[in-house]
Each structure stands twice: as C-alpha cells, then as structure tokens.
Amino acid sequence: MTVVTTTWAEAPAVVEEYAVVVSPDVDVKSMDLERVRRLFLLRERYWRPGRSVKLIFSEDSVEPRSFLLERIYRMNYSGLRRLIVEKLYQEEIDLAPKVVASDEVAVAFVASGRGLIALVRTTATTGAGAKVVAIDGVLPGMPGYALRR
C-alpha cells in the first residue's frame, strides 16, 4: 500500500498598508515616523507659521483604528480620548479632530481642505487627489514601508 502525502502551501499573509495623506497645499513629500507621531499626538501643531495641522479620523472600522492606536498613538482608545480632552482643556487645540464615515471620505475631505492630515488604508488613496506622504523616504507598496500590518 502506498501512502500519498500532500502538503499545503501556506497562503501568503494578507498585508494591509496604511498611508498618511495630506492636503494638496501641505508642502511635505516625506516625513519620518516620529514626526507622524508628533503630528497625530498634537505635539506638532503647525505645518509652518500660520498654517495649522488639522487631523481627520476615519470611523470606518475597528482594524484601521486599532492600527492607528497601536502603531502611531501607542495607547488605547480611552487614552486617545483623554489626550484630546486634555489638549482642548489646556487650550492647545481649538477643536477635536474631525471624524468621518470612511477612509474614502477622509481622503476626499483631506483632498478638498487645507492643512489636513489623515491615516487611511492605501486602497482608499487611488485617484483621490490628496497627497500620499512617504514615510522615511519610502512610499506604500515599496519594500521597507513602515505602516504595514
């Protein structure tokens, strides 16, 4: 009797990439990951004198939010809410970041506004009009891109 064994090739892991997008008026092509964190943590509040940074959050689903919390904020959702309330109370920011329904809406909003920044799935950036910012000189889809899960 001959026994035939087959091995199943492992399916390639699904890689989800996230892109930092900015409004067309923002004069930034690349930034390091630490600057991305400073911007999203509201520690760096101006692109240049007189041009404030405005955050846009997507309420799309749990996955992008968890990526943002883990990789950029390094805190949980309660910690993020507390950070925003503290910044408002200390008058470091005038308004809480705007929350929109999806990554696609976030990209459209960023593309049509001034001084805006968002972190979205790269699939939402196709033909959108917002600028995709390289992280440490590397764009989404390239080897070594930092915002990948």
Protein backbone atom coordinates (compact mmCIF):
# COMPACT_ATOMS: atom_id res chain seq x y z
CA MET A 1 0.00 0.00 0.00
CA THR A 2 1.32 3.36 -0.98
CA VAL A 3 0.55 6.37 1.15
CA VAL A 4 0.48 9.68 -0.62
CA THR A 5 1.02 12.74 1.49
CA THR A 6 0.36 16.21 0.33
CA THR A 7 1.48 19.37 1.94
CA TRP A 8 -0.49 22.52 1.79
CA ALA A 9 1.44 25.57 0.86
CA GLU A 10 0.87 28.32 3.32
CA ALA A 11 -1.30 31.03 1.94
CA PRO A 12 0.54 34.33 1.80
CA ALA A 13 -0.33 36.56 4.71
CA VAL A 14 -2.61 39.42 3.84
CA VAL A 15 -0.68 42.61 4.19
CA GLU A 16 -2.62 45.75 4.88
CA GLU A 17 -0.82 49.03 4.36
CA TYR A 18 -1.81 52.42 5.66
CA ALA A 19 -0.93 55.74 4.10
CA VAL A 20 -0.51 59.20 5.54
CA VAL A 21 -2.37 61.61 3.28
CA VAL A 22 -2.20 65.40 3.40
CA SER A 23 -3.98 68.26 1.68
CA PRO A 24 -2.51 69.43 -1.62
CA ASP A 25 -1.41 72.74 -0.02
CA VAL A 26 0.84 70.99 2.54
CA ASP A 27 4.44 71.21 1.36
CA VAL A 28 5.56 67.78 2.59
CA LYS A 29 6.64 64.84 0.42
CA SER A 30 8.24 62.65 3.09
CA MET A 31 8.48 62.57 6.86
CA ASP A 32 9.89 60.22 9.43
CA LEU A 33 7.62 58.07 11.55
CA GLU A 34 8.45 60.06 14.67
CA ARG A 35 7.14 63.26 13.03
CA VAL A 36 3.96 61.42 12.06
CA ARG A 37 3.55 60.53 15.74
CA ARG A 38 4.17 64.13 16.86
CA LEU A 39 1.54 65.38 14.41
CA PHE A 40 -1.08 62.82 15.43
CA LEU A 41 -0.31 63.30 19.14
CA LEU A 42 -0.91 67.04 18.61
CA ARG A 43 2.61 67.84 19.81
CA GLU A 44 3.50 69.45 16.50
CA ARG A 45 0.59 71.69 15.61
CA TYR A 46 1.79 73.72 12.61
CA TRP A 47 3.00 72.83 9.14
CA ARG A 48 4.61 76.27 9.04
CA PRO A 49 3.85 79.56 10.84
CA GLY A 50 0.18 80.40 10.38
CA ARG A 51 -0.70 77.00 8.85
CA SER A 52 -2.15 74.71 11.50
CA VAL A 53 -2.34 70.92 11.26
CA LYS A 54 -5.87 69.52 11.33
CA LEU A 55 -6.44 65.83 11.96
CA ILE A 56 -9.10 63.75 10.25
CA PHE A 57 -10.07 60.37 11.68
CA SER A 58 -11.94 57.66 9.84
CA GLU A 59 -14.61 55.78 11.74
CA ASP A 60 -14.57 53.11 9.04
CA SER A 61 -13.94 50.01 11.13
CA VAL A 62 -12.06 48.57 14.04
CA GLU A 63 -8.99 47.46 12.06
CA PRO A 64 -7.70 50.87 10.89
CA ARG A 65 -8.46 52.39 14.29
CA SER A 66 -6.56 49.64 16.09
CA PHE A 67 -3.58 50.12 13.74
CA LEU A 68 -3.61 53.88 14.43
CA LEU A 69 -3.85 53.34 18.18
CA GLU A 70 -1.13 50.65 18.29
CA ARG A 71 1.43 51.96 15.81
CA ILE A 72 1.02 55.73 15.96
CA TYR A 73 -0.54 56.63 19.30
CA ARG A 74 0.75 53.65 21.30
CA MET A 75 -2.29 53.85 23.56
CA ASN A 76 -5.86 52.57 23.77
CA TYR A 77 -9.00 54.41 22.69
CA SER A 78 -9.65 55.76 26.20
CA GLY A 79 -6.14 57.18 26.28
CA LEU A 80 -6.70 58.91 22.94
CA ARG A 81 -9.97 60.44 24.13
CA ARG A 82 -8.22 61.66 27.28
CA LEU A 83 -5.39 63.17 25.22
CA ILE A 84 -7.85 65.12 23.06
CA VAL A 85 -9.88 66.34 26.07
CA GLU A 86 -6.66 67.45 27.82
CA LYS A 87 -5.49 69.35 24.72
CA LEU A 88 -8.89 71.05 24.46
CA TYR A 89 -8.99 71.90 28.19
CA GLN A 90 -5.43 73.28 28.12
CA GLU A 91 -6.41 75.30 25.03
CA GLU A 92 -3.66 73.72 22.96
CA ILE A 93 -6.23 72.93 20.25
CA ASP A 94 -9.46 74.73 19.36
CA LEU A 95 -11.44 71.75 18.07
CA ALA A 96 -11.29 67.98 18.41
CA PRO A 97 -10.20 66.13 15.26
CA LYS A 98 -12.98 65.63 12.74
CA VAL A 99 -14.32 62.08 12.43
CA VAL A 100 -15.69 60.98 9.07
CA ALA A 101 -17.54 57.83 8.00
CA SER A 102 -14.86 56.01 5.98
CA ASP A 103 -11.31 56.12 4.66
CA GLU A 104 -12.61 57.22 1.26
CA VAL A 105 -14.49 60.14 2.82
CA ALA A 106 -11.39 61.03 4.85
CA VAL A 107 -9.26 61.13 1.69
CA ALA A 108 -11.84 63.23 -0.17
CA PHE A 109 -12.08 65.59 2.81
CA VAL A 110 -8.29 65.92 3.02
CA ALA A 111 -8.04 66.50 -0.74
CA SER A 112 -10.56 69.33 -0.63
CA GLY A 113 -9.28 71.05 2.52
CA ARG A 114 -6.22 72.94 3.71
CA GLY A 115 -3.68 71.76 6.26
CA LEU A 116 -5.37 68.39 6.78
CA ILE A 117 -3.77 65.02 7.55
CA ALA A 118 -5.22 61.51 7.90
CA LEU A 119 -4.05 57.92 8.16
CA VAL A 120 -6.06 55.64 5.86
CA ARG A 121 -5.82 52.26 4.14
CA THR A 122 -3.76 52.61 0.97
CA THR A 123 -6.64 51.14 -1.04
CA ALA A 124 -8.61 54.33 -0.32
CA THR A 125 -6.00 56.62 -1.88
CA THR A 126 -6.37 55.61 -5.53
CA GLY A 127 -7.13 58.63 -7.68
CA ALA A 128 -8.22 60.67 -4.70
CA GLY A 129 -6.38 63.99 -5.07
CA ALA A 130 -4.82 64.02 -1.61
CA LYS A 131 -1.04 63.68 -1.43
CA VAL A 132 0.36 60.39 -0.13
CA VAL A 133 3.38 61.12 2.05
CA ALA A 134 6.43 58.86 2.01
CA ILE A 135 7.49 57.58 5.45
CA ASP A 136 11.26 57.70 5.90
CA GLY A 137 11.51 58.20 2.13
CA VAL A 138 9.51 55.04 1.33
CA LEU A 139 6.06 55.08 -0.29
CA PRO A 140 3.33 52.48 0.29
CA GLY A 141 3.88 49.33 -1.75
CA MET A 142 7.65 49.61 -1.64
CA PRO A 143 9.88 47.25 0.37
CA GLY A 144 10.58 48.52 3.86
CA TYR A 145 7.43 50.64 4.14
CA ALA A 146 6.80 51.31 7.86
CA LEU A 147 2.98 51.48 8.02
CA ARG A 148 2.19 47.88 7.23
CA ARG A 149 0.44 45.15 9.19
